[in-house]
Amino acid sequence: QVQLVESGGGLVQPGGSLRLSCAASGIPLSIYTMNWYRQAPGKQRELVATFTSDYRTNYTDSVKGRFTISRDNAKNTVNLQMNSLKPEDTAVYLCNAVRSRFNQYYWGQGTQVTVSS
């Protein structure tokens, strides 16, 4: 059974930092494209960052220079380091594993990030 479990969310002041982690069981994350999405109330789900199986990364413009996605193969986790957080970063952050060639798509339950003073 495949499970993705996010952790690390919480309440932080503007300008602060959080580190999200997505731990996987049942699949080796190294062969998947890993994505972090976020969804704020009343808004569409947004792709925030991507880490491919061949170590390429991509970020949405609003987080470039502030967020860093990484993968730890030994721990089978994907992390999202978020610095200089802004109130508009407030959302539920979800981990997603994709191997589209094999029609494999997995989601975690999400972790809440709230940026507020």
PDB file of N, CA and C in Angstrom:
ATOM      1  N   GLN A   1       0.849  -1.187   0.000  1.00  0.00           N
ATOM      2  CA  GLN A   1       0.000   0.000   0.000  1.00  0.00           C
ATOM      3  C   GLN A   1       0.886   1.240   0.000  1.00  0.00           C
ATOM      4  N   VAL A   2       0.568   2.163  -0.895  1.00  0.00           N
ATOM      5  CA  VAL A   2       1.357   3.379  -1.029  1.00  0.00           C
ATOM      6  C   VAL A   2       0.809   4.450  -0.095  1.00  0.00           C
ATOM      7  N   GLN A   3       1.711   5.094   0.616  1.00  0.00           N
ATOM      8  CA  GLN A   3       1.328   6.215   1.483  1.00  0.00           C
ATOM      9  C   GLN A   3       2.322   7.349   1.334  1.00  0.00           C
ATOM     10  N   LEU A   4       1.780   8.554   1.227  1.00  0.00           N
ATOM     11  CA  LEU A   4       2.585   9.765   1.308  1.00  0.00           C
ATOM     12  C   LEU A   4       2.080  10.552   2.508  1.00  0.00           C
ATOM     13  N   VAL A   5       2.991  10.892   3.406  1.00  0.00           N
ATOM     14  CA  VAL A   5       2.598  11.590   4.626  1.00  0.00           C
ATOM     15  C   VAL A   5       3.416  12.870   4.755  1.00  0.00           C
ATOM     16  N   GLU A   6       2.704  14.002   4.739  1.00  0.00           N
ATOM     17  CA  GLU A   6       3.364  15.291   4.887  1.00  0.00           C
ATOM     18  C   GLU A   6       3.466  15.680   6.354  1.00  0.00           C
ATOM     19  N   SER A   7       4.498  16.433   6.666  1.00  0.00           N
ATOM     20  CA  SER A   7       4.664  16.966   8.020  1.00  0.00           C
ATOM     21  C   SER A   7       5.434  18.279   7.931  1.00  0.00           C
ATOM     22  N   GLY A   8       5.434  19.008   9.042  1.00  0.00           N
ATOM     23  CA  GLY A   8       6.235  20.225   9.119  1.00  0.00           C
ATOM     24  C   GLY A   8       5.472  21.519   8.996  1.00  0.00           C
ATOM     25  N   GLY A   9       4.182  21.429   8.737  1.00  0.00           N
ATOM     26  CA  GLY A   9       3.402  22.667   8.643  1.00  0.00           C
ATOM     27  C   GLY A   9       3.190  23.303  10.008  1.00  0.00           C
ATOM     28  N   GLY A  10       2.602  24.486   9.975  1.00  0.00           N
ATOM     29  CA  GLY A  10       2.337  25.183  11.234  1.00  0.00           C
ATOM     30  C   GLY A  10       2.088  26.644  11.018  1.00  0.00           C
ATOM     31  N   LEU A  11       2.108  27.384  12.122  1.00  0.00           N
ATOM     32  CA  LEU A  11       1.902  28.830  12.104  1.00  0.00           C
ATOM     33  C   LEU A  11       3.260  29.515  12.214  1.00  0.00           C
ATOM     34  N   VAL A  12       3.514  30.450  11.322  1.00  0.00           N
ATOM     35  CA  VAL A  12       4.785  31.165  11.323  1.00  0.00           C
ATOM     36  C   VAL A  12       4.530  32.629  10.988  1.00  0.00           C
ATOM     37  N   GLN A  13       5.365  33.503  11.519  1.00  0.00           N
ATOM     38  CA  GLN A  13       5.228  34.927  11.221  1.00  0.00           C
ATOM     39  C   GLN A  13       5.788  35.241   9.839  1.00  0.00           C
ATOM     40  N   PRO A  14       5.307  36.309   9.233  1.00  0.00           N
ATOM     41  CA  PRO A  14       5.888  36.728   7.941  1.00  0.00           C
ATOM     42  C   PRO A  14       7.393  36.911   8.061  1.00  0.00           C
ATOM     43  N   GLY A  15       8.101  36.411   7.041  1.00  0.00           N
ATOM     44  CA  GLY A  15       9.558  36.440   7.057  1.00  0.00           C
ATOM     45  C   GLY A  15      10.194  35.205   7.647  1.00  0.00           C
ATOM     46  N   GLY A  16       9.383  34.363   8.258  1.00  0.00           N
ATOM     47  CA  GLY A  16       9.893  33.156   8.889  1.00  0.00           C
ATOM     48  C   GLY A  16      10.097  32.014   7.911  1.00  0.00           C
ATOM     49  N   SER A  17      10.472  30.871   8.465  1.00  0.00           N
ATOM     50  CA  SER A  17      10.782  29.689   7.647  1.00  0.00           C
ATOM     51  C   SER A  17      10.073  28.456   8.184  1.00  0.00           C
ATOM     52  N   LEU A  18       9.805  27.547   7.271  1.00  0.00           N
ATOM     53  CA  LEU A  18       9.306  26.217   7.617  1.00  0.00           C
ATOM     54  C   LEU A  18       9.941  25.212   6.667  1.00  0.00           C
ATOM     55  N   ARG A  19      10.052  23.991   7.150  1.00  0.00           N
ATOM     56  CA  ARG A  19      10.549  22.909   6.304  1.00  0.00           C
ATOM     57  C   ARG A  19       9.510  21.805   6.294  1.00  0.00           C
ATOM     58  N   LEU A  20       8.933  21.575   5.120  1.00  0.00           N
ATOM     59  CA  LEU A  20       7.946  20.508   4.957  1.00  0.00           C
ATOM     60  C   LEU A  20       8.652  19.239   4.510  1.00  0.00           C
ATOM     61  N   SER A  21       8.102  18.130   4.940  1.00  0.00           N
ATOM     62  CA  SER A  21       8.648  16.838   4.546  1.00  0.00           C
ATOM     63  C   SER A  21       7.521  15.933   4.073  1.00  0.00           C
ATOM     64  N   CYS A  22       7.799  15.154   3.055  1.00  0.00           N
ATOM     65  CA  CYS A  22       6.856  14.166   2.529  1.00  0.00           C
ATOM     66  C   CYS A  22       7.541  12.813   2.603  1.00  0.00           C
ATOM     67  N   ALA A  23       7.049  11.963   3.481  1.00  0.00           N
ATOM     68  CA  ALA A  23       7.627  10.639   3.657  1.00  0.00           C
ATOM     69  C   ALA A  23       6.790   9.605   2.927  1.00  0.00           C
ATOM     70  N   ALA A  24       7.453   8.758   2.175  1.00  0.00           N
ATOM     71  CA  ALA A  24       6.749   7.764   1.370  1.00  0.00           C
ATOM     72  C   ALA A  24       6.983   6.359   1.896  1.00  0.00           C
ATOM     73  N   SER A  25       5.954   5.558   1.762  1.00  0.00           N
ATOM     74  CA  SER A  25       6.078   4.118   1.998  1.00  0.00           C
ATOM     75  C   SER A  25       5.402   3.400   0.839  1.00  0.00           C
ATOM     76  N   GLY A  26       5.985   2.293   0.431  1.00  0.00           N
ATOM     77  CA  GLY A  26       5.402   1.499  -0.643  1.00  0.00           C
ATOM     78  C   GLY A  26       5.935   1.802  -2.027  1.00  0.00           C
ATOM     79  N   ILE A  27       6.618   2.938  -2.180  1.00  0.00           N
ATOM     80  CA  ILE A  27       7.214   3.288  -3.469  1.00  0.00           C
ATOM     81  C   ILE A  27       8.561   3.964  -3.223  1.00  0.00           C
ATOM     82  N   PRO A  28       9.502   3.796  -4.149  1.00  0.00           N
ATOM     83  CA  PRO A  28      10.771   4.521  -4.056  1.00  0.00           C
ATOM     84  C   PRO A  28      10.630   5.874  -4.746  1.00  0.00           C
ATOM     85  N   LEU A  29      10.712   6.941  -3.990  1.00  0.00           N
ATOM     86  CA  LEU A  29      10.486   8.263  -4.572  1.00  0.00           C
ATOM     87  C   LEU A  29      11.491   8.615  -5.661  1.00  0.00           C
ATOM     88  N   SER A  30      12.627   7.967  -5.666  1.00  0.00           N
ATOM     89  CA  SER A  30      13.680   8.311  -6.620  1.00  0.00           C
ATOM     90  C   SER A  30      13.272   8.082  -8.069  1.00  0.00           C
ATOM     91  N   ILE A  31      12.277   7.249  -8.325  1.00  0.00           N
ATOM     92  CA  ILE A  31      11.886   6.991  -9.710  1.00  0.00           C
ATOM     93  C   ILE A  31      10.625   7.765 -10.102  1.00  0.00           C
ATOM     94  N   TYR A  32      10.151   8.614  -9.213  1.00  0.00           N
ATOM     95  CA  TYR A  32       8.952   9.410  -9.468  1.00  0.00           C
ATOM     96  C   TYR A  32       9.303  10.878  -9.658  1.00  0.00           C
ATOM     97  N   THR A  33       8.467  11.572 -10.396  1.00  0.00           N
ATOM     98  CA  THR A  33       8.476  13.027 -10.347  1.00  0.00           C
ATOM     99  C   THR A  33       7.693  13.427  -9.111  1.00  0.00           C
ATOM    100  N   MET A  34       8.324  14.230  -8.269  1.00  0.00           N
ATOM    101  CA  MET A  34       7.703  14.646  -7.017  1.00  0.00           C
ATOM    102  C   MET A  34       7.307  16.108  -7.102  1.00  0.00           C
ATOM    103  N   ASN A  35       6.098  16.375  -6.694  1.00  0.00           N
ATOM    104  CA  ASN A  35       5.572  17.737  -6.735  1.00  0.00           C
ATOM    105  C   ASN A  35       5.060  18.151  -5.363  1.00  0.00           C
ATOM    106  N   TRP A  36       5.220  19.421  -5.068  1.00  0.00           N
ATOM    107  CA  TRP A  36       4.510  20.053  -3.960  1.00  0.00           C
ATOM    108  C   TRP A  36       3.474  20.986  -4.559  1.00  0.00           C
ATOM    109  N   TYR A  37       2.230  20.791  -4.177  1.00  0.00           N
ATOM    110  CA  TYR A  37       1.131  21.675  -4.547  1.00  0.00           C
ATOM    111  C   TYR A  37       0.678  22.415  -3.287  1.00  0.00           C
ATOM    112  N   ARG A  38      -0.087  23.467  -3.512  1.00  0.00           N
ATOM    113  CA  ARG A  38      -0.757  24.124  -2.392  1.00  0.00           C
ATOM    114  C   ARG A  38      -2.148  24.553  -2.817  1.00  0.00           C
ATOM    115  N   GLN A  39      -3.025  24.589  -1.820  1.00  0.00           N
ATOM    116  CA  GLN A  39      -4.391  25.023  -2.083  1.00  0.00           C
ATOM    117  C   GLN A  39      -4.850  25.931  -0.959  1.00  0.00           C
ATOM    118  N   ALA A  40      -5.158  27.153  -1.317  1.00  0.00           N
ATOM    119  CA  ALA A  40      -5.671  28.124  -0.364  1.00  0.00           C
ATOM    120  C   ALA A  40      -7.191  28.152  -0.469  1.00  0.00           C
ATOM    121  N   PRO A  41      -7.876  28.566   0.587  1.00  0.00           N
ATOM    122  CA  PRO A  41      -9.343  28.605   0.554  1.00  0.00           C
ATOM    123  C   PRO A  41      -9.856  29.445  -0.604  1.00  0.00           C
ATOM    124  N   GLY A  42     -10.764  28.875  -1.375  1.00  0.00           N
ATOM    125  CA  GLY A  42     -11.365  29.603  -2.483  1.00  0.00           C
ATOM    126  C   GLY A  42     -10.499  29.731  -3.716  1.00  0.00           C
ATOM    127  N   LYS A  43      -9.345  29.083  -3.714  1.00  0.00           N
ATOM    128  CA  LYS A  43      -8.445  29.173  -4.861  1.00  0.00           C
ATOM    129  C   LYS A  43      -8.191  27.794  -5.444  1.00  0.00           C
ATOM    130  N   GLN A  44      -7.728  27.793  -6.695  1.00  0.00           N
ATOM    131  CA  GLN A  44      -7.389  26.532  -7.342  1.00  0.00           C
ATOM    132  C   GLN A  44      -6.082  25.981  -6.786  1.00  0.00           C
ATOM    133  N   ARG A  45      -5.962  24.676  -6.866  1.00  0.00           N
ATOM    134  CA  ARG A  45      -4.712  24.035  -6.451  1.00  0.00           C
ATOM    135  C   ARG A  45      -3.586  24.522  -7.366  1.00  0.00           C
ATOM    136  N   GLU A  46      -2.460  24.844  -6.765  1.00  0.00           N
ATOM    137  CA  GLU A  46      -1.337  25.431  -7.491  1.00  0.00           C
ATOM    138  C   GLU A  46      -0.096  24.560  -7.355  1.00  0.00           C
ATOM    139  N   LEU A  47       0.571  24.303  -8.474  1.00  0.00           N
ATOM    140  CA  LEU A  47       1.839  23.582  -8.431  1.00  0.00           C
ATOM    141  C   LEU A  47       2.921  24.547  -7.963  1.00  0.00           C
ATOM    142  N   VAL A  48       3.618  24.189  -6.895  1.00  0.00           N
ATOM    143  CA  VAL A  48       4.607  25.071  -6.283  1.00  0.00           C
ATOM    144  C   VAL A  48       6.025  24.698  -6.706  1.00  0.00           C
ATOM    145  N   ALA A  49       6.352  23.413  -6.628  1.00  0.00           N
ATOM    146  CA  ALA A  49       7.722  22.992  -6.911  1.00  0.00           C
ATOM    147  C   ALA A  49       7.725  21.552  -7.384  1.00  0.00           C
ATOM    148  N   THR A  50       8.716  21.242  -8.232  1.00  0.00           N
ATOM    149  CA  THR A  50       8.858  19.909  -8.815  1.00  0.00           C
ATOM    150  C   THR A  50      10.292  19.433  -8.690  1.00  0.00           C
ATOM    151  N   PHE A  51      10.452  18.139  -8.410  1.00  0.00           N
ATOM    152  CA  PHE A  51      11.773  17.494  -8.392  1.00  0.00           C
ATOM    153  C   PHE A  51      11.637  16.222  -9.210  1.00  0.00           C
ATOM    154  N   THR A  52      12.354  16.154 -10.329  1.00  0.00           N
ATOM    155  CA  THR A  52      12.200  14.999 -11.198  1.00  0.00           C
ATOM    156  C   THR A  52      13.148  13.867 -10.808  1.00  0.00           C
ATOM    157  N   SER A  53      12.924  12.714 -11.410  1.00  0.00           N
ATOM    158  CA  SER A  53      13.755  11.550 -11.098  1.00  0.00           C
ATOM    159  C   SER A  53      15.205  11.757 -11.516  1.00  0.00           C
ATOM    160  N   ASP A  54      15.425  12.668 -12.481  1.00  0.00           N
ATOM    161  CA  ASP A  54      16.804  12.958 -12.916  1.00  0.00           C
ATOM    162  C   ASP A  54      17.307  14.282 -12.341  1.00  0.00           C
ATOM    163  N   TYR A  55      16.754  14.654 -11.167  1.00  0.00           N
ATOM    164  CA  TYR A  55      17.288  15.758 -10.351  1.00  0.00           C
ATOM    165  C   TYR A  55      17.041  17.149 -10.917  1.00  0.00           C
ATOM    166  N   ARG A  56      16.107  17.290 -11.843  1.00  0.00           N
ATOM    167  CA  ARG A  56      15.747  18.629 -12.294  1.00  0.00           C
ATOM    168  C   ARG A  56      14.700  19.217 -11.361  1.00  0.00           C
ATOM    169  N   THR A  57      14.770  20.531 -11.162  1.00  0.00           N
ATOM    170  CA  THR A  57      13.806  21.208 -10.292  1.00  0.00           C
ATOM    171  C   THR A  57      13.118  22.327 -11.053  1.00  0.00           C
ATOM    172  N   ASN A  58      11.929  22.660 -10.590  1.00  0.00           N
ATOM    173  CA  ASN A  58      11.195  23.765 -11.188  1.00  0.00           C
ATOM    174  C   ASN A  58      10.309  24.379 -10.111  1.00  0.00           C
ATOM    175  N   TYR A  59      10.100  25.695 -10.213  1.00  0.00           N
ATOM    176  CA  TYR A  59       9.321  26.417  -9.203  1.00  0.00           C
ATOM    177  C   TYR A  59       8.364  27.375  -9.871  1.00  0.00           C
ATOM    178  N   THR A  60       7.235  27.578  -9.233  1.00  0.00           N
ATOM    179  CA  THR A  60       6.363  28.638  -9.696  1.00  0.00           C
ATOM    180  C   THR A  60       7.022  29.982  -9.385  1.00  0.00           C
ATOM    181  N   ASP A  61       6.725  30.978 -10.211  1.00  0.00           N
ATOM    182  CA  ASP A  61       7.445  32.249 -10.113  1.00  0.00           C
ATOM    183  C   ASP A  61       7.368  32.879  -8.719  1.00  0.00           C
ATOM    184  N   SER A  62       6.229  32.746  -8.068  1.00  0.00           N
ATOM    185  CA  SER A  62       6.025  33.438  -6.798  1.00  0.00           C
ATOM    186  C   SER A  62       6.893  32.909  -5.658  1.00  0.00           C
ATOM    187  N   VAL A  63       7.502  31.733  -5.834  1.00  0.00           N
ATOM    188  CA  VAL A  63       8.326  31.177  -4.757  1.00  0.00           C
ATOM    189  C   VAL A  63       9.801  31.065  -5.130  1.00  0.00           C
ATOM    190  N   LYS A  64      10.137  31.426  -6.362  1.00  0.00           N
ATOM    191  CA  LYS A  64      11.538  31.321  -6.791  1.00  0.00           C
ATOM    192  C   LYS A  64      12.432  32.186  -5.906  1.00  0.00           C
ATOM    193  N   GLY A  65      13.538  31.598  -5.488  1.00  0.00           N
ATOM    194  CA  GLY A  65      14.458  32.303  -4.604  1.00  0.00           C
ATOM    195  C   GLY A  65      14.107  32.196  -3.134  1.00  0.00           C
ATOM    196  N   ARG A  66      12.931  31.684  -2.827  1.00  0.00           N
ATOM    197  CA  ARG A  66      12.506  31.546  -1.428  1.00  0.00           C
ATOM    198  C   ARG A  66      12.336  30.091  -1.016  1.00  0.00           C
ATOM    199  N   PHE A  67      11.861  29.255  -1.915  1.00  0.00           N
ATOM    200  CA  PHE A  67      11.600  27.842  -1.623  1.00  0.00           C
ATOM    201  C   PHE A  67      12.643  26.973  -2.318  1.00  0.00           C
ATOM    202  N   THR A  68      12.977  25.855  -1.673  1.00  0.00           N
ATOM    203  CA  THR A  68      13.889  24.890  -2.259  1.00  0.00           C
ATOM    204  C   THR A  68      13.345  23.490  -2.048  1.00  0.00           C
ATOM    205  N   ILE A  69      13.212  22.746  -3.140  1.00  0.00           N
ATOM    206  CA  ILE A  69      12.751  21.369  -3.062  1.00  0.00           C
ATOM    207  C   ILE A  69      13.975  20.453  -3.130  1.00  0.00           C
ATOM    208  N   SER A  70      13.939  19.375  -2.351  1.00  0.00           N
ATOM    209  CA  SER A  70      15.053  18.432  -2.332  1.00  0.00           C
ATOM    210  C   SER A  70      14.523  17.037  -2.056  1.00  0.00           C
ATOM    211  N   ARG A  71      15.377  16.066  -2.340  1.00  0.00           N
ATOM    212  CA  ARG A  71      14.982  14.667  -2.124  1.00  0.00           C
ATOM    213  C   ARG A  71      16.077  13.955  -1.345  1.00  0.00           C
ATOM    214  N   ASP A  72      15.671  13.139  -0.378  1.00  0.00           N
ATOM    215  CA  ASP A  72      16.601  12.327   0.400  1.00  0.00           C
ATOM    216  C   ASP A  72      16.304  10.868   0.092  1.00  0.00           C
ATOM    217  N   ASN A  73      17.117  10.264  -0.758  1.00  0.00           N
ATOM    218  CA  ASN A  73      16.838   8.884  -1.173  1.00  0.00           C
ATOM    219  C   ASN A  73      16.963   7.905  -0.008  1.00  0.00           C
ATOM    220  N   ALA A  74      17.886   8.149   0.886  1.00  0.00           N
ATOM    221  CA  ALA A  74      18.084   7.236   2.011  1.00  0.00           C
ATOM    222  C   ALA A  74      16.865   7.195   2.927  1.00  0.00           C
ATOM    223  N   LYS A  75      16.228   8.355   3.100  1.00  0.00           N
ATOM    224  CA  LYS A  75      15.041   8.429   3.965  1.00  0.00           C
ATOM    225  C   LYS A  75      13.754   8.281   3.169  1.00  0.00           C
ATOM    226  N   ASN A  76      13.868   8.270   1.843  1.00  0.00           N
ATOM    227  CA  ASN A  76      12.692   8.190   0.971  1.00  0.00           C
ATOM    228  C   ASN A  76      11.715   9.343   1.256  1.00  0.00           C
ATOM    229  N   THR A  77      12.281  10.527   1.313  1.00  0.00           N
ATOM    230  CA  THR A  77      11.471  11.719   1.576  1.00  0.00           C
ATOM    231  C   THR A  77      11.769  12.795   0.533  1.00  0.00           C
ATOM    232  N   VAL A  78      10.816  13.674   0.380  1.00  0.00           N
ATOM    233  CA  VAL A  78      10.999  14.892  -0.401  1.00  0.00           C
ATOM    234  C   VAL A  78      10.667  16.061   0.507  1.00  0.00           C
ATOM    235  N   ASN A  79      11.520  17.066   0.480  1.00  0.00           N
ATOM    236  CA  ASN A  79      11.377  18.178   1.399  1.00  0.00           C
ATOM    237  C   ASN A  79      11.157  19.489   0.655  1.00  0.00           C
ATOM    238  N   LEU A  80      10.536  20.412   1.333  1.00  0.00           N
ATOM    239  CA  LEU A  80      10.347  21.758   0.785  1.00  0.00           C
ATOM    240  C   LEU A  80      10.765  22.757   1.852  1.00  0.00           C
ATOM    241  N   GLN A  81      11.910  23.372   1.644  1.00  0.00           N
ATOM    242  CA  GLN A  81      12.386  24.408   2.545  1.00  0.00           C
ATOM    243  C   GLN A  81      11.780  25.734   2.107  1.00  0.00           C
ATOM    244  N   MET A  82      11.066  26.370   2.994  1.00  0.00           N
ATOM    245  CA  MET A  82      10.360  27.608   2.663  1.00  0.00           C
ATOM    246  C   MET A  82      10.897  28.726   3.539  1.00  0.00           C
ATOM    247  N   ASN A  83      11.515  29.697   2.908  1.00  0.00           N
ATOM    248  CA  ASN A  83      12.075  30.849   3.609  1.00  0.00           C
ATOM    249  C   ASN A  83      11.351  32.131   3.206  1.00  0.00           C
ATOM    250  N   SER A  84      11.538  33.154   3.982  1.00  0.00           N
ATOM    251  CA  SER A  84      10.933  34.464   3.706  1.00  0.00           C
ATOM    252  C   SER A  84       9.443  34.330   3.415  1.00  0.00           C
ATOM    253  N   LEU A  85       8.771  33.612   4.270  1.00  0.00           N
ATOM    254  CA  LEU A  85       7.362  33.325   4.042  1.00  0.00           C
ATOM    255  C   LEU A  85       6.508  34.583   4.093  1.00  0.00           C
ATOM    256  N   LYS A  86       5.469  34.577   3.271  1.00  0.00           N
ATOM    257  CA  LYS A  86       4.546  35.701   3.152  1.00  0.00           C
ATOM    258  C   LYS A  86       3.139  35.226   3.484  1.00  0.00           C
ATOM    259  N   PRO A  87       2.273  36.139   3.874  1.00  0.00           N
ATOM    260  CA  PRO A  87       0.883  35.727   4.159  1.00  0.00           C
ATOM    261  C   PRO A  87       0.223  35.015   2.977  1.00  0.00           C
ATOM    262  N   GLU A  88       0.587  35.385   1.774  1.00  0.00           N
ATOM    263  CA  GLU A  88      -0.011  34.743   0.603  1.00  0.00           C
ATOM    264  C   GLU A  88       0.485  33.319   0.374  1.00  0.00           C
ATOM    265  N   ASP A  89       1.450  32.870   1.161  1.00  0.00           N
ATOM    266  CA  ASP A  89       1.873  31.478   1.110  1.00  0.00           C
ATOM    267  C   ASP A  89       0.973  30.572   1.949  1.00  0.00           C
ATOM    268  N   THR A  90       0.060  31.167   2.683  1.00  0.00           N
ATOM    269  CA  THR A  90      -0.851  30.396   3.516  1.00  0.00           C
ATOM    270  C   THR A  90      -1.708  29.472   2.664  1.00  0.00           C
ATOM    271  N   ALA A  91      -1.673  28.181   2.985  1.00  0.00           N
ATOM    272  CA  ALA A  91      -2.403  27.175   2.214  1.00  0.00           C
ATOM    273  C   ALA A  91      -2.183  25.807   2.845  1.00  0.00           C
ATOM    274  N   VAL A  92      -2.933  24.852   2.347  1.00  0.00           N
ATOM    275  CA  VAL A  92      -2.622  23.448   2.620  1.00  0.00           C
ATOM    276  C   VAL A  92      -1.633  23.004   1.553  1.00  0.00           C
ATOM    277  N   TYR A  93      -0.521  22.429   2.000  1.00  0.00           N
ATOM    278  CA  TYR A  93       0.514  21.966   1.082  1.00  0.00           C
ATOM    279  C   TYR A  93       0.425  20.448   0.951  1.00  0.00           C
ATOM    280  N   LEU A  94       0.405  20.007  -0.307  1.00  0.00           N
ATOM    281  CA  LEU A  94       0.209  18.583  -0.591  1.00  0.00           C
ATOM    282  C   LEU A  94       1.372  18.030  -1.406  1.00  0.00           C
ATOM    283  N   CYS A  95       1.752  16.836  -1.066  1.00  0.00           N
ATOM    284  CA  CYS A  95       2.803  16.112  -1.758  1.00  0.00           C
ATOM    285  C   CYS A  95       2.168  15.210  -2.821  1.00  0.00           C
ATOM    286  N   ASN A  96       2.820  15.124  -3.974  1.00  0.00           N
ATOM    287  CA  ASN A  96       2.289  14.357  -5.091  1.00  0.00           C
ATOM    288  C   ASN A  96       3.427  13.596  -5.766  1.00  0.00           C
ATOM    289  N   ALA A  97       3.230  12.309  -6.011  1.00  0.00           N
ATOM    290  CA  ALA A  97       4.208  11.472  -6.714  1.00  0.00           C
ATOM    291  C   ALA A  97       3.598  11.028  -8.034  1.00  0.00           C
ATOM    292  N   VAL A  98       4.339  11.209  -9.109  1.00  0.00           N
ATOM    293  CA  VAL A  98       3.808  10.927 -10.441  1.00  0.00           C
ATOM    294  C   VAL A  98       4.792  10.082 -11.238  1.00  0.00           C
ATOM    295  N   ARG A  99       4.240   9.058 -11.870  1.00  0.00           N
ATOM    296  CA  ARG A  99       4.980   8.333 -12.896  1.00  0.00           C
ATOM    297  C   ARG A  99       3.972   8.122 -14.013  1.00  0.00           C
ATOM    298  N   SER A 100       3.820   9.151 -14.853  1.00  0.00           N
ATOM    299  CA  SER A 100       2.706   9.198 -15.797  1.00  0.00           C
ATOM    300  C   SER A 100       2.768   8.083 -16.830  1.00  0.00           C
ATOM    301  N   ARG A 101       3.987   7.662 -17.157  1.00  0.00           N
ATOM    302  CA  ARG A 101       4.129   6.597 -18.160  1.00  0.00           C
ATOM    303  C   ARG A 101       3.420   5.319 -17.707  1.00  0.00           C
ATOM    304  N   PHE A 102       3.358   5.133 -16.381  1.00  0.00           N
ATOM    305  CA  PHE A 102       2.720   3.946 -15.825  1.00  0.00           C
ATOM    306  C   PHE A 102       1.380   4.281 -15.169  1.00  0.00           C
ATOM    307  N   ASN A 103       0.889   5.485 -15.455  1.00  0.00           N
ATOM    308  CA  ASN A 103      -0.399   5.914 -14.917  1.00  0.00           C
ATOM    309  C   ASN A 103      -0.445   5.802 -13.394  1.00  0.00           C
ATOM    310  N   GLN A 104       0.621   6.215 -12.750  1.00  0.00           N
ATOM    311  CA  GLN A 104       0.694   6.156 -11.295  1.00  0.00           C
ATOM    312  C   GLN A 104       0.710   7.577 -10.729  1.00  0.00           C
ATOM    313  N   TYR A 105      -0.279   7.876  -9.916  1.00  0.00           N
ATOM    314  CA  TYR A 105      -0.415   9.193  -9.300  1.00  0.00           C
ATOM    315  C   TYR A 105      -0.803   8.981  -7.852  1.00  0.00           C
ATOM    316  N   TYR A 106      -0.023   9.544  -6.938  1.00  0.00           N
ATOM    317  CA  TYR A 106      -0.300   9.390  -5.513  1.00  0.00           C
ATOM    318  C   TYR A 106      -0.279  10.755  -4.843  1.00  0.00           C
ATOM    319  N   TRP A 107      -1.147  10.917  -3.825  1.00  0.00           N
ATOM    320  CA  TRP A 107      -1.268  12.171  -3.093  1.00  0.00           C
ATOM    321  C   TRP A 107      -1.189  11.920  -1.591  1.00  0.00           C
ATOM    322  N   GLY A 108      -0.621  12.868  -0.905  1.00  0.00           N
ATOM    323  CA  GLY A 108      -0.708  12.875   0.537  1.00  0.00           C
ATOM    324  C   GLY A 108      -1.952  13.610   0.986  1.00  0.00           C
ATOM    325  N   GLN A 109      -2.144  13.680   2.308  1.00  0.00           N
ATOM    326  CA  GLN A 109      -3.331  14.323   2.875  1.00  0.00           C
ATOM    327  C   GLN A 109      -3.146  15.830   3.047  1.00  0.00           C
ATOM    328  N   GLY A 110      -1.929  16.285   3.053  1.00  0.00           N
ATOM    329  CA  GLY A 110      -1.666  17.713   3.163  1.00  0.00           C
ATOM    330  C   GLY A 110      -1.278  18.145   4.563  1.00  0.00           C
ATOM    331  N   THR A 111      -0.589  19.273   4.616  1.00  0.00           N
ATOM    332  CA  THR A 111      -0.219  19.883   5.882  1.00  0.00           C
ATOM    333  C   THR A 111      -0.488  21.385   5.790  1.00  0.00           C
ATOM    334  N   GLN A 112      -1.067  21.938   6.840  1.00  0.00           N
ATOM    335  CA  GLN A 112      -1.469  23.346   6.819  1.00  0.00           C
ATOM    336  C   GLN A 112      -0.282  24.246   7.121  1.00  0.00           C
ATOM    337  N   VAL A 113      -0.106  25.251   6.290  1.00  0.00           N
ATOM    338  CA  VAL A 113       0.880  26.310   6.533  1.00  0.00           C
ATOM    339  C   VAL A 113       0.124  27.628   6.654  1.00  0.00           C
ATOM    340  N   THR A 114       0.315  28.298   7.770  1.00  0.00           N
ATOM    341  CA  THR A 114      -0.325  29.590   7.999  1.00  0.00           C
ATOM    342  C   THR A 114       0.743  30.623   8.308  1.00  0.00           C
ATOM    343  N   VAL A 115       0.761  31.679   7.512  1.00  0.00           N
ATOM    344  CA  VAL A 115       1.730  32.758   7.701  1.00  0.00           C
ATOM    345  C   VAL A 115       0.957  33.996   8.148  1.00  0.00           C
ATOM    346  N   SER A 116       1.161  34.366   9.392  1.00  0.00           N
ATOM    347  CA  SER A 116       0.382  35.463   9.971  1.00  0.00           C
ATOM    348  C   SER A 116       1.109  36.031  11.170  1.00  0.00           C
ATOM    349  N   SER A 117       0.932  37.318  11.368  1.00  0.00           N
ATOM    350  CA  SER A 117       1.493  37.960  12.545  1.00  0.00           C
ATOM    351  C   SER A 117       0.463  38.008  13.666  1.00  0.00           C
TER     352      SER A 117
END
